[in-house]
Amino acid sequence: MSFRWTVDRSQLAKAAVRAAAAQGLSDAAEFLLEESNRTAPIEEATLIRSGDTSLDAARLKAAVAYDTPYAARQHEELEWRHDDGRRAKWLELTFQEQARKAGRIIQTRMKAVL
């Protein structure tokens, strides 16, 4: 008696690429959180501590968010004063400034499996 297995290499390759893309998205989100924390308004660091990332690997979507009752208002109020190096729109501007680097982070993970 013998058994024979056939491996569908294309399915394995797709799974490896998808896993690499998900890990790259997670890494990029963590990078963007770290970078945005550098310019987020800070008084007691509550806002920065509320920053977090999430990953929906099935849909290949990642997010960076701040979860305090005032985070959205703090982000949008352009007239509020901030300490040197801190700013309104810190998350949005960081994403714009670092989008290429975040893309390279994802690309590096994916290239490792290709």
PDB file of N, CA and C in Angstrom:
ATOM      1  N   MET A   1       0.845  -1.164   0.000  1.00  0.00           N
ATOM      2  CA  MET A   1       0.000   0.000   0.000  1.00  0.00           C
ATOM      3  C   MET A   1       0.895   1.232   0.000  1.00  0.00           C
ATOM      4  N   SER A   2       0.499   2.233  -0.748  1.00  0.00           N
ATOM      5  CA  SER A   2       1.273   3.480  -0.769  1.00  0.00           C
ATOM      6  C   SER A   2       0.327   4.675  -0.847  1.00  0.00           C
ATOM      7  N   PHE A   3       0.852   5.775  -0.436  1.00  0.00           N
ATOM      8  CA  PHE A   3       0.091   7.021  -0.501  1.00  0.00           C
ATOM      9  C   PHE A   3       0.895   8.016  -1.319  1.00  0.00           C
ATOM     10  N   ARG A   4       0.187   8.848  -2.017  1.00  0.00           N
ATOM     11  CA  ARG A   4       0.850   9.861  -2.826  1.00  0.00           C
ATOM     12  C   ARG A   4       0.149  11.196  -2.574  1.00  0.00           C
ATOM     13  N   TRP A   5       0.955  12.208  -2.351  1.00  0.00           N
ATOM     14  CA  TRP A   5       0.414  13.553  -2.135  1.00  0.00           C
ATOM     15  C   TRP A   5       0.844  14.457  -3.266  1.00  0.00           C
ATOM     16  N   THR A   6      -0.037  15.322  -3.607  1.00  0.00           N
ATOM     17  CA  THR A   6       0.277  16.341  -4.595  1.00  0.00           C
ATOM     18  C   THR A   6       0.109  17.696  -3.918  1.00  0.00           C
ATOM     19  N   VAL A   7       1.129  18.513  -4.048  1.00  0.00           N
ATOM     20  CA  VAL A   7       1.086  19.840  -3.451  1.00  0.00           C
ATOM     21  C   VAL A   7       0.783  20.852  -4.546  1.00  0.00           C
ATOM     22  N   ASP A   8      -0.213  21.633  -4.325  1.00  0.00           N
ATOM     23  CA  ASP A   8      -0.553  22.703  -5.267  1.00  0.00           C
ATOM     24  C   ASP A   8       0.348  23.888  -4.949  1.00  0.00           C
ATOM     25  N   ARG A   9       1.437  23.996  -5.668  1.00  0.00           N
ATOM     26  CA  ARG A   9       2.433  25.031  -5.387  1.00  0.00           C
ATOM     27  C   ARG A   9       1.878  26.438  -5.561  1.00  0.00           C
ATOM     28  N   SER A  10       0.958  26.600  -6.469  1.00  0.00           N
ATOM     29  CA  SER A  10       0.404  27.942  -6.667  1.00  0.00           C
ATOM     30  C   SER A  10      -0.387  28.377  -5.433  1.00  0.00           C
ATOM     31  N   GLN A  11      -1.078  27.438  -4.794  1.00  0.00           N
ATOM     32  CA  GLN A  11      -1.817  27.768  -3.566  1.00  0.00           C
ATOM     33  C   GLN A  11      -0.850  28.093  -2.433  1.00  0.00           C
ATOM     34  N   LEU A  12       0.234  27.333  -2.335  1.00  0.00           N
ATOM     35  CA  LEU A  12       1.242  27.613  -1.314  1.00  0.00           C
ATOM     36  C   LEU A  12       1.871  28.980  -1.533  1.00  0.00           C
ATOM     37  N   ALA A  13       2.164  29.291  -2.782  1.00  0.00           N
ATOM     38  CA  ALA A  13       2.768  30.589  -3.104  1.00  0.00           C
ATOM     39  C   ALA A  13       1.815  31.726  -2.771  1.00  0.00           C
ATOM     40  N   LYS A  14       0.550  31.562  -3.125  1.00  0.00           N
ATOM     41  CA  LYS A  14      -0.442  32.598  -2.813  1.00  0.00           C
ATOM     42  C   LYS A  14      -0.559  32.800  -1.310  1.00  0.00           C
ATOM     43  N   ALA A  15      -0.570  31.721  -0.559  1.00  0.00           N
ATOM     44  CA  ALA A  15      -0.669  31.821   0.895  1.00  0.00           C
ATOM     45  C   ALA A  15       0.565  32.507   1.482  1.00  0.00           C
ATOM     46  N   ALA A  16       1.733  32.198   0.950  1.00  0.00           N
ATOM     47  CA  ALA A  16       2.968  32.818   1.447  1.00  0.00           C
ATOM     48  C   ALA A  16       2.990  34.311   1.143  1.00  0.00           C
ATOM     49  N   VAL A  17       2.572  34.683  -0.055  1.00  0.00           N
ATOM     50  CA  VAL A  17       2.541  36.102  -0.429  1.00  0.00           C
ATOM     51  C   VAL A  17       1.513  36.846   0.423  1.00  0.00           C
ATOM     52  N   ARG A  18       0.379  36.236   0.615  1.00  0.00           N
ATOM     53  CA  ARG A  18      -0.674  36.870   1.431  1.00  0.00           C
ATOM     54  C   ARG A  18      -0.208  37.045   2.876  1.00  0.00           C
ATOM     55  N   ALA A  19       0.443  36.037   3.430  1.00  0.00           N
ATOM     56  CA  ALA A  19       0.962  36.140   4.800  1.00  0.00           C
ATOM     57  C   ALA A  19       2.033  37.225   4.897  1.00  0.00           C
ATOM     58  N   ALA A  20       2.887  37.309   3.887  1.00  0.00           N
ATOM     59  CA  ALA A  20       3.923  38.339   3.875  1.00  0.00           C
ATOM     60  C   ALA A  20       3.304  39.728   3.755  1.00  0.00           C
ATOM     61  N   ALA A  21       2.275  39.850   2.938  1.00  0.00           N
ATOM     62  CA  ALA A  21       1.592  41.139   2.797  1.00  0.00           C
ATOM     63  C   ALA A  21       0.956  41.551   4.121  1.00  0.00           C
ATOM     64  N   ALA A  22       0.324  40.614   4.799  1.00  0.00           N
ATOM     65  CA  ALA A  22      -0.299  40.913   6.094  1.00  0.00           C
ATOM     66  C   ALA A  22       0.759  41.333   7.120  1.00  0.00           C
ATOM     67  N   GLN A  23       1.875  40.620   7.153  1.00  0.00           N
ATOM     68  CA  GLN A  23       2.942  40.983   8.094  1.00  0.00           C
ATOM     69  C   GLN A  23       3.531  42.345   7.737  1.00  0.00           C
ATOM     70  N   GLY A  24       3.684  42.606   6.457  1.00  0.00           N
ATOM     71  CA  GLY A  24       4.181  43.906   6.021  1.00  0.00           C
ATOM     72  C   GLY A  24       3.245  45.036   6.409  1.00  0.00           C
ATOM     73  N   LEU A  25       1.954  44.810   6.253  1.00  0.00           N
ATOM     74  CA  LEU A  25       0.967  45.818   6.670  1.00  0.00           C
ATOM     75  C   LEU A  25       1.039  46.066   8.172  1.00  0.00           C
ATOM     76  N   SER A  26       1.163  44.998   8.926  1.00  0.00           N
ATOM     77  CA  SER A  26       1.273  45.135  10.378  1.00  0.00           C
ATOM     78  C   SER A  26       2.527  45.918  10.758  1.00  0.00           C
ATOM     79  N   ASP A  27       3.650  45.582  10.126  1.00  0.00           N
ATOM     80  CA  ASP A  27       4.906  46.287  10.389  1.00  0.00           C
ATOM     81  C   ASP A  27       4.803  47.762  10.000  1.00  0.00           C
ATOM     82  N   ALA A  28       4.186  48.038   8.858  1.00  0.00           N
ATOM     83  CA  ALA A  28       4.035  49.416   8.393  1.00  0.00           C
ATOM     84  C   ALA A  28       3.142  50.213   9.344  1.00  0.00           C
ATOM     85  N   ALA A  29       2.070  49.597   9.828  1.00  0.00           N
ATOM     86  CA  ALA A  29       1.187  50.279  10.775  1.00  0.00           C
ATOM     87  C   ALA A  29       1.933  50.597  12.072  1.00  0.00           C
ATOM     88  N   GLU A  30       2.718  49.661  12.556  1.00  0.00           N
ATOM     89  CA  GLU A  30       3.517  49.909  13.771  1.00  0.00           C
ATOM     90  C   GLU A  30       4.519  51.038  13.539  1.00  0.00           C
ATOM     91  N   PHE A  31       5.129  51.052  12.379  1.00  0.00           N
ATOM     92  CA  PHE A  31       6.057  52.132  12.025  1.00  0.00           C
ATOM     93  C   PHE A  31       5.342  53.473  12.023  1.00  0.00           C
ATOM     94  N   LEU A  32       4.164  53.542  11.388  1.00  0.00           N
ATOM     95  CA  LEU A  32       3.419  54.796  11.324  1.00  0.00           C
ATOM     96  C   LEU A  32       2.954  55.248  12.708  1.00  0.00           C
ATOM     97  N   LEU A  33       2.587  54.313  13.562  1.00  0.00           N
ATOM     98  CA  LEU A  33       2.212  54.680  14.931  1.00  0.00           C
ATOM     99  C   LEU A  33       3.408  55.287  15.662  1.00  0.00           C
ATOM    100  N   GLU A  34       4.546  54.630  15.557  1.00  0.00           N
ATOM    101  CA  GLU A  34       5.749  55.135  16.222  1.00  0.00           C
ATOM    102  C   GLU A  34       6.118  56.530  15.715  1.00  0.00           C
ATOM    103  N   GLU A  35       6.057  56.719  14.407  1.00  0.00           N
ATOM    104  CA  GLU A  35       6.391  58.012  13.823  1.00  0.00           C
ATOM    105  C   GLU A  35       5.371  59.083  14.210  1.00  0.00           C
ATOM    106  N   SER A  36       4.092  58.740  14.209  1.00  0.00           N
ATOM    107  CA  SER A  36       3.079  59.734  14.552  1.00  0.00           C
ATOM    108  C   SER A  36       3.153  60.117  16.029  1.00  0.00           C
ATOM    109  N   ASN A  37       3.565  59.181  16.875  1.00  0.00           N
ATOM    110  CA  ASN A  37       3.727  59.502  18.299  1.00  0.00           C
ATOM    111  C   ASN A  37       4.781  60.583  18.515  1.00  0.00           C
ATOM    112  N   ARG A  38       5.723  60.698  17.593  1.00  0.00           N
ATOM    113  CA  ARG A  38       6.790  61.703  17.727  1.00  0.00           C
ATOM    114  C   ARG A  38       6.270  63.134  17.589  1.00  0.00           C
ATOM    115  N   THR A  39       5.122  63.307  16.926  1.00  0.00           N
ATOM    116  CA  THR A  39       4.581  64.659  16.723  1.00  0.00           C
ATOM    117  C   THR A  39       3.189  64.840  17.324  1.00  0.00           C
ATOM    118  N   ALA A  40       2.653  63.800  17.957  1.00  0.00           N
ATOM    119  CA  ALA A  40       1.335  63.909  18.590  1.00  0.00           C
ATOM    120  C   ALA A  40       1.414  64.890  19.759  1.00  0.00           C
ATOM    121  N   PRO A  41       0.354  65.665  19.969  1.00  0.00           N
ATOM    122  CA  PRO A  41       0.336  66.564  21.127  1.00  0.00           C
ATOM    123  C   PRO A  41       0.556  65.766  22.410  1.00  0.00           C
ATOM    124  N   ILE A  42       1.294  66.363  23.319  1.00  0.00           N
ATOM    125  CA  ILE A  42       1.606  65.644  24.545  1.00  0.00           C
ATOM    126  C   ILE A  42       1.497  66.592  25.732  1.00  0.00           C
ATOM    127  N   GLU A  43       0.760  66.168  26.706  1.00  0.00           N
ATOM    128  CA  GLU A  43       0.725  66.880  27.970  1.00  0.00           C
ATOM    129  C   GLU A  43       1.021  65.891  29.079  1.00  0.00           C
ATOM    130  N   GLU A  44       0.236  64.843  29.109  1.00  0.00           N
ATOM    131  CA  GLU A  44       0.457  63.785  30.099  1.00  0.00           C
ATOM    132  C   GLU A  44       0.722  62.441  29.426  1.00  0.00           C
ATOM    133  N   ALA A  45       0.803  62.430  28.115  1.00  0.00           N
ATOM    134  CA  ALA A  45       1.061  61.240  27.289  1.00  0.00           C
ATOM    135  C   ALA A  45      -0.117  60.271  27.216  1.00  0.00           C
ATOM    136  N   THR A  46      -1.272  60.678  27.711  1.00  0.00           N
ATOM    137  CA  THR A  46      -2.456  59.820  27.634  1.00  0.00           C
ATOM    138  C   THR A  46      -2.834  59.548  26.186  1.00  0.00           C
ATOM    139  N   LEU A  47      -2.785  60.591  25.375  1.00  0.00           N
ATOM    140  CA  LEU A  47      -3.123  60.443  23.957  1.00  0.00           C
ATOM    141  C   LEU A  47      -2.184  59.445  23.285  1.00  0.00           C
ATOM    142  N   ILE A  48      -0.896  59.597  23.501  1.00  0.00           N
ATOM    143  CA  ILE A  48       0.084  58.707  22.881  1.00  0.00           C
ATOM    144  C   ILE A  48      -0.098  57.269  23.357  1.00  0.00           C
ATOM    145  N   ARG A  49      -0.361  57.096  24.636  1.00  0.00           N
ATOM    146  CA  ARG A  49      -0.569  55.731  25.157  1.00  0.00           C
ATOM    147  C   ARG A  49      -1.817  55.081  24.567  1.00  0.00           C
ATOM    148  N   SER A  50      -2.758  55.902  24.107  1.00  0.00           N
ATOM    149  CA  SER A  50      -3.984  55.337  23.533  1.00  0.00           C
ATOM    150  C   SER A  50      -3.791  54.898  22.086  1.00  0.00           C
ATOM    151  N   GLY A  51      -2.658  55.228  21.478  1.00  0.00           N
ATOM    152  CA  GLY A  51      -2.401  54.839  20.096  1.00  0.00           C
ATOM    153  C   GLY A  51      -2.256  53.335  19.963  1.00  0.00           C
ATOM    154  N   ASP A  52      -2.811  52.803  18.890  1.00  0.00           N
ATOM    155  CA  ASP A  52      -2.761  51.360  18.678  1.00  0.00           C
ATOM    156  C   ASP A  52      -2.891  51.064  17.186  1.00  0.00           C
ATOM    157  N   THR A  53      -2.504  49.879  16.821  1.00  0.00           N
ATOM    158  CA  THR A  53      -2.667  49.422  15.444  1.00  0.00           C
ATOM    159  C   THR A  53      -3.593  48.214  15.429  1.00  0.00           C
ATOM    160  N   SER A  54      -4.190  47.990  14.285  1.00  0.00           N
ATOM    161  CA  SER A  54      -5.011  46.785  14.114  1.00  0.00           C
ATOM    162  C   SER A  54      -4.769  46.251  12.703  1.00  0.00           C
ATOM    163  N   LEU A  55      -4.984  44.972  12.561  1.00  0.00           N
ATOM    164  CA  LEU A  55      -4.787  44.309  11.275  1.00  0.00           C
ATOM    165  C   LEU A  55      -5.958  43.379  11.012  1.00  0.00           C
ATOM    166  N   ASP A  56      -6.529  43.508   9.839  1.00  0.00           N
ATOM    167  CA  ASP A  56      -7.519  42.557   9.348  1.00  0.00           C
ATOM    168  C   ASP A  56      -6.816  41.782   8.241  1.00  0.00           C
ATOM    169  N   ALA A  57      -6.178  40.680   8.626  1.00  0.00           N
ATOM    170  CA  ALA A  57      -5.367  39.907   7.687  1.00  0.00           C
ATOM    171  C   ALA A  57      -6.206  39.328   6.554  1.00  0.00           C
ATOM    172  N   ALA A  58      -7.443  38.981   6.828  1.00  0.00           N
ATOM    173  CA  ALA A  58      -8.294  38.398   5.796  1.00  0.00           C
ATOM    174  C   ALA A  58      -8.586  39.399   4.677  1.00  0.00           C
ATOM    175  N   ARG A  59      -8.720  40.659   5.037  1.00  0.00           N
ATOM    176  CA  ARG A  59      -9.016  41.699   4.040  1.00  0.00           C
ATOM    177  C   ARG A  59      -7.779  42.511   3.665  1.00  0.00           C
ATOM    178  N   LEU A  60      -6.638  42.171   4.261  1.00  0.00           N
ATOM    179  CA  LEU A  60      -5.384  42.885   4.042  1.00  0.00           C
ATOM    180  C   LEU A  60      -5.559  44.385   4.258  1.00  0.00           C
ATOM    181  N   LYS A  61      -6.018  44.710   5.466  1.00  0.00           N
ATOM    182  CA  LYS A  61      -6.195  46.107   5.854  1.00  0.00           C
ATOM    183  C   LYS A  61      -5.597  46.311   7.234  1.00  0.00           C
ATOM    184  N   ALA A  62      -4.894  47.418   7.379  1.00  0.00           N
ATOM    185  CA  ALA A  62      -4.324  47.776   8.677  1.00  0.00           C
ATOM    186  C   ALA A  62      -4.784  49.184   9.023  1.00  0.00           C
ATOM    187  N   ALA A  63      -4.785  49.491  10.310  1.00  0.00           N
ATOM    188  CA  ALA A  63      -5.198  50.817  10.765  1.00  0.00           C
ATOM    189  C   ALA A  63      -4.340  51.259  11.932  1.00  0.00           C
ATOM    190  N   VAL A  64      -4.214  52.572  12.048  1.00  0.00           N
ATOM    191  CA  VAL A  64      -3.579  53.207  13.195  1.00  0.00           C
ATOM    192  C   VAL A  64      -4.632  54.129  13.778  1.00  0.00           C
ATOM    193  N   ALA A  65      -4.819  54.073  15.089  1.00  0.00           N
ATOM    194  CA  ALA A  65      -5.858  54.899  15.716  1.00  0.00           C
ATOM    195  C   ALA A  65      -5.428  55.330  17.113  1.00  0.00           C
ATOM    196  N   TYR A  66      -6.015  56.424  17.536  1.00  0.00           N
ATOM    197  CA  TYR A  66      -5.855  56.917  18.907  1.00  0.00           C
ATOM    198  C   TYR A  66      -7.226  56.899  19.533  1.00  0.00           C
ATOM    199  N   ASP A  67      -7.308  56.358  20.732  1.00  0.00           N
ATOM    200  CA  ASP A  67      -8.611  56.096  21.343  1.00  0.00           C
ATOM    201  C   ASP A  67      -8.769  56.819  22.674  1.00  0.00           C
ATOM    202  N   THR A  68      -8.835  58.128  22.621  1.00  0.00           N
ATOM    203  CA  THR A  68      -9.220  58.898  23.797  1.00  0.00           C
ATOM    204  C   THR A  68     -10.458  59.689  23.403  1.00  0.00           C
ATOM    205  N   PRO A  69     -11.236  60.127  24.364  1.00  0.00           N
ATOM    206  CA  PRO A  69     -12.442  60.886  24.019  1.00  0.00           C
ATOM    207  C   PRO A  69     -12.137  62.154  23.211  1.00  0.00           C
ATOM    208  N   TYR A  70     -10.956  62.685  23.337  1.00  0.00           N
ATOM    209  CA  TYR A  70     -10.616  63.949  22.681  1.00  0.00           C
ATOM    210  C   TYR A  70      -9.667  63.798  21.497  1.00  0.00           C
ATOM    211  N   ALA A  71      -9.302  62.590  21.128  1.00  0.00           N
ATOM    212  CA  ALA A  71      -8.303  62.384  20.077  1.00  0.00           C
ATOM    213  C   ALA A  71      -8.716  63.027  18.750  1.00  0.00           C
ATOM    214  N   ALA A  72      -9.934  62.821  18.310  1.00  0.00           N
ATOM    215  CA  ALA A  72     -10.373  63.373  17.021  1.00  0.00           C
ATOM    216  C   ALA A  72     -10.354  64.897  17.044  1.00  0.00           C
ATOM    217  N   ARG A  73     -10.844  65.475  18.110  1.00  0.00           N
ATOM    218  CA  ARG A  73     -10.856  66.946  18.196  1.00  0.00           C
ATOM    219  C   ARG A  73      -9.432  67.479  18.251  1.00  0.00           C
ATOM    220  N   GLN A  74      -8.592  66.849  19.037  1.00  0.00           N
ATOM    221  CA  GLN A  74      -7.195  67.267  19.147  1.00  0.00           C
ATOM    222  C   GLN A  74      -6.520  67.201  17.773  1.00  0.00           C
ATOM    223  N   HIS A  75      -6.858  66.197  17.010  1.00  0.00           N
ATOM    224  CA  HIS A  75      -6.279  66.025  15.681  1.00  0.00           C
ATOM    225  C   HIS A  75      -6.719  67.145  14.739  1.00  0.00           C
ATOM    226  N   GLU A  76      -7.954  67.545  14.827  1.00  0.00           N
ATOM    227  CA  GLU A  76      -8.530  68.477  13.857  1.00  0.00           C
ATOM    228  C   GLU A  76      -8.378  69.959  14.215  1.00  0.00           C
ATOM    229  N   GLU A  77      -8.155  70.296  15.467  1.00  0.00           N
ATOM    230  CA  GLU A  77      -8.094  71.707  15.893  1.00  0.00           C
ATOM    231  C   GLU A  77      -6.773  72.353  15.500  1.00  0.00           C
ATOM    232  N   LEU A  78      -6.797  73.070  14.399  1.00  0.00           N
ATOM    233  CA  LEU A  78      -5.586  73.700  13.886  1.00  0.00           C
ATOM    234  C   LEU A  78      -5.172  74.928  14.707  1.00  0.00           C
ATOM    235  N   GLU A  79      -6.076  75.492  15.444  1.00  0.00           N
ATOM    236  CA  GLU A  79      -5.789  76.711  16.203  1.00  0.00           C
ATOM    237  C   GLU A  79      -5.210  76.430  17.593  1.00  0.00           C
ATOM    238  N   TRP A  80      -5.280  75.207  18.055  1.00  0.00           N
ATOM    239  CA  TRP A  80      -4.755  74.903  19.388  1.00  0.00           C
ATOM    240  C   TRP A  80      -3.229  74.953  19.365  1.00  0.00           C
ATOM    241  N   ARG A  81      -2.660  75.440  20.450  1.00  0.00           N
ATOM    242  CA  ARG A  81      -1.203  75.536  20.557  1.00  0.00           C
ATOM    243  C   ARG A  81      -0.626  74.204  21.046  1.00  0.00           C
ATOM    244  N   HIS A  82       0.541  73.891  20.524  1.00  0.00           N
ATOM    245  CA  HIS A  82       1.218  72.652  20.898  1.00  0.00           C
ATOM    246  C   HIS A  82       2.670  72.946  21.246  1.00  0.00           C
ATOM    247  N   ASP A  83       3.256  72.072  22.034  1.00  0.00           N
ATOM    248  CA  ASP A  83       4.680  72.179  22.337  1.00  0.00           C
ATOM    249  C   ASP A  83       5.480  72.081  21.043  1.00  0.00           C
ATOM    250  N   ASP A  84       6.714  72.577  21.076  1.00  0.00           N
ATOM    251  CA  ASP A  84       7.586  72.493  19.904  1.00  0.00           C
ATOM    252  C   ASP A  84       7.690  71.054  19.412  1.00  0.00           C
ATOM    253  N   GLY A  85       7.561  70.889  18.113  1.00  0.00           N
ATOM    254  CA  GLY A  85       7.656  69.565  17.513  1.00  0.00           C
ATOM    255  C   GLY A  85       6.355  68.784  17.536  1.00  0.00           C
ATOM    256  N   ARG A  86       5.346  69.309  18.184  1.00  0.00           N
ATOM    257  CA  ARG A  86       4.030  68.646  18.263  1.00  0.00           C
ATOM    258  C   ARG A  86       3.052  69.424  17.394  1.00  0.00           C
ATOM    259  N   ARG A  87       2.013  68.742  16.907  1.00  0.00           N
ATOM    260  CA  ARG A  87       1.124  69.413  15.961  1.00  0.00           C
ATOM    261  C   ARG A  87      -0.252  68.772  15.892  1.00  0.00           C
ATOM    262  N   ALA A  88      -1.187  69.556  15.357  1.00  0.00           N
ATOM    263  CA  ALA A  88      -2.488  69.012  14.974  1.00  0.00           C
ATOM    264  C   ALA A  88      -2.262  68.181  13.708  1.00  0.00           C
ATOM    265  N   LYS A  89      -3.200  67.354  13.359  1.00  0.00           N
ATOM    266  CA  LYS A  89      -3.122  66.517  12.154  1.00  0.00           C
ATOM    267  C   LYS A  89      -1.903  65.606  12.170  1.00  0.00           C
ATOM    268  N   TRP A  90      -1.424  65.265  13.369  1.00  0.00           N
ATOM    269  CA  TRP A  90      -0.191  64.481  13.480  1.00  0.00           C
ATOM    270  C   TRP A  90      -0.270  63.138  12.776  1.00  0.00           C
ATOM    271  N   LEU A  91      -1.387  62.478  12.816  1.00  0.00           N
ATOM    272  CA  LEU A  91      -1.497  61.160  12.173  1.00  0.00           C
ATOM    273  C   LEU A  91      -1.603  61.308  10.659  1.00  0.00           C
ATOM    274  N   GLU A  92      -2.450  62.191  10.222  1.00  0.00           N
ATOM    275  CA  GLU A  92      -2.637  62.421   8.787  1.00  0.00           C
ATOM    276  C   GLU A  92      -1.329  62.879   8.125  1.00  0.00           C
ATOM    277  N   LEU A  93      -0.670  63.843   8.729  1.00  0.00           N
ATOM    278  CA  LEU A  93       0.571  64.363   8.155  1.00  0.00           C
ATOM    279  C   LEU A  93       1.683  63.317   8.179  1.00  0.00           C
ATOM    280  N   THR A  94       1.754  62.552   9.246  1.00  0.00           N
ATOM    281  CA  THR A  94       2.761  61.490   9.313  1.00  0.00           C
ATOM    282  C   THR A  94       2.534  60.483   8.206  1.00  0.00           C
ATOM    283  N   PHE A  95       1.285  60.110   7.972  1.00  0.00           N
ATOM    284  CA  PHE A  95       0.993  59.166   6.895  1.00  0.00           C
ATOM    285  C   PHE A  95       1.455  59.733   5.550  1.00  0.00           C
ATOM    286  N   GLN A  96       1.148  61.001   5.302  1.00  0.00           N
ATOM    287  CA  GLN A  96       1.555  61.622   4.040  1.00  0.00           C
ATOM    288  C   GLN A  96       3.080  61.659   3.911  1.00  0.00           C
ATOM    289  N   GLU A  97       3.748  62.010   4.986  1.00  0.00           N
ATOM    290  CA  GLU A  97       5.206  62.141   4.969  1.00  0.00           C
ATOM    291  C   GLU A  97       5.924  60.793   4.876  1.00  0.00           C
ATOM    292  N   GLN A  98       5.344  59.763   5.447  1.00  0.00           N
ATOM    293  CA  GLN A  98       6.021  58.470   5.565  1.00  0.00           C
ATOM    294  C   GLN A  98       5.420  57.368   4.688  1.00  0.00           C
ATOM    295  N   ALA A  99       4.509  57.722   3.810  1.00  0.00           N
ATOM    296  CA  ALA A  99       3.822  56.708   2.989  1.00  0.00           C
ATOM    297  C   ALA A  99       4.804  55.875   2.159  1.00  0.00           C
ATOM    298  N   ARG A 100       5.800  56.511   1.591  1.00  0.00           N
ATOM    299  CA  ARG A 100       6.769  55.768   0.773  1.00  0.00           C
ATOM    300  C   ARG A 100       7.535  54.755   1.614  1.00  0.00           C
ATOM    301  N   LYS A 101       7.970  55.192   2.791  1.00  0.00           N
ATOM    302  CA  LYS A 101       8.731  54.282   3.656  1.00  0.00           C
ATOM    303  C   LYS A 101       7.840  53.134   4.131  1.00  0.00           C
ATOM    304  N   ALA A 102       6.591  53.439   4.470  1.00  0.00           N
ATOM    305  CA  ALA A 102       5.658  52.383   4.872  1.00  0.00           C
ATOM    306  C   ALA A 102       5.462  51.389   3.723  1.00  0.00           C
ATOM    307  N   GLY A 103       5.364  51.909   2.507  1.00  0.00           N
ATOM    308  CA  GLY A 103       5.245  51.034   1.338  1.00  0.00           C
ATOM    309  C   GLY A 103       6.463  50.147   1.161  1.00  0.00           C
ATOM    310  N   ARG A 104       7.646  50.703   1.413  1.00  0.00           N
ATOM    311  CA  ARG A 104       8.870  49.899   1.305  1.00  0.00           C
ATOM    312  C   ARG A 104       8.917  48.812   2.374  1.00  0.00           C
ATOM    313  N   ILE A 105       8.362  49.091   3.539  1.00  0.00           N
ATOM    314  CA  ILE A 105       8.305  48.075   4.600  1.00  0.00           C
ATOM    315  C   ILE A 105       7.464  46.886   4.122  1.00  0.00           C
ATOM    316  N   ILE A 106       6.327  47.170   3.535  1.00  0.00           N
ATOM    317  CA  ILE A 106       5.454  46.123   3.007  1.00  0.00           C
ATOM    318  C   ILE A 106       6.163  45.379   1.873  1.00  0.00           C
ATOM    319  N   GLN A 107       6.765  46.145   0.992  1.00  0.00           N
ATOM    320  CA  GLN A 107       7.456  45.576  -0.166  1.00  0.00           C
ATOM    321  C   GLN A 107       8.594  44.629   0.281  1.00  0.00           C
ATOM    322  N   THR A 108       9.328  45.027   1.276  1.00  0.00           N
ATOM    323  CA  THR A 108      10.446  44.195   1.764  1.00  0.00           C
ATOM    324  C   THR A 108       9.933  42.855   2.263  1.00  0.00           C
ATOM    325  N   ARG A 109       8.847  42.859   3.026  1.00  0.00           N
ATOM    326  CA  ARG A 109       8.265  41.583   3.509  1.00  0.00           C
ATOM    327  C   ARG A 109       7.841  40.704   2.348  1.00  0.00           C
ATOM    328  N   MET A 110       7.227  41.314   1.343  1.00  0.00           N
ATOM    329  CA  MET A 110       6.727  40.527   0.218  1.00  0.00           C
ATOM    330  C   MET A 110       7.865  39.998  -0.652  1.00  0.00           C
ATOM    331  N   LYS A 111       8.903  40.801  -0.843  1.00  0.00           N
ATOM    332  CA  LYS A 111      10.041  40.356  -1.643  1.00  0.00           C
ATOM    333  C   LYS A 111      10.722  39.141  -1.020  1.00  0.00           C
ATOM    334  N   ALA A 112      10.661  39.038   0.287  1.00  0.00           N
ATOM    335  CA  ALA A 112      11.313  37.925   0.969  1.00  0.00           C
ATOM    336  C   ALA A 112      10.716  36.567   0.572  1.00  0.00           C
ATOM    337  N   VAL A 113       9.492  36.556   0.110  1.00  0.00           N
ATOM    338  CA  VAL A 113       8.862  35.288  -0.274  1.00  0.00           C
ATOM    339  C   VAL A 113       8.780  35.094  -1.781  1.00  0.00           C
ATOM    340  N   LEU A 114       9.145  36.095  -2.516  1.00  0.00           N
ATOM    341  CA  LEU A 114       9.057  35.986  -3.985  1.00  0.00           C
ATOM    342  C   LEU A 114      10.322  35.444  -4.587  1.00  0.00           C
TER     343      LEU A 114
END
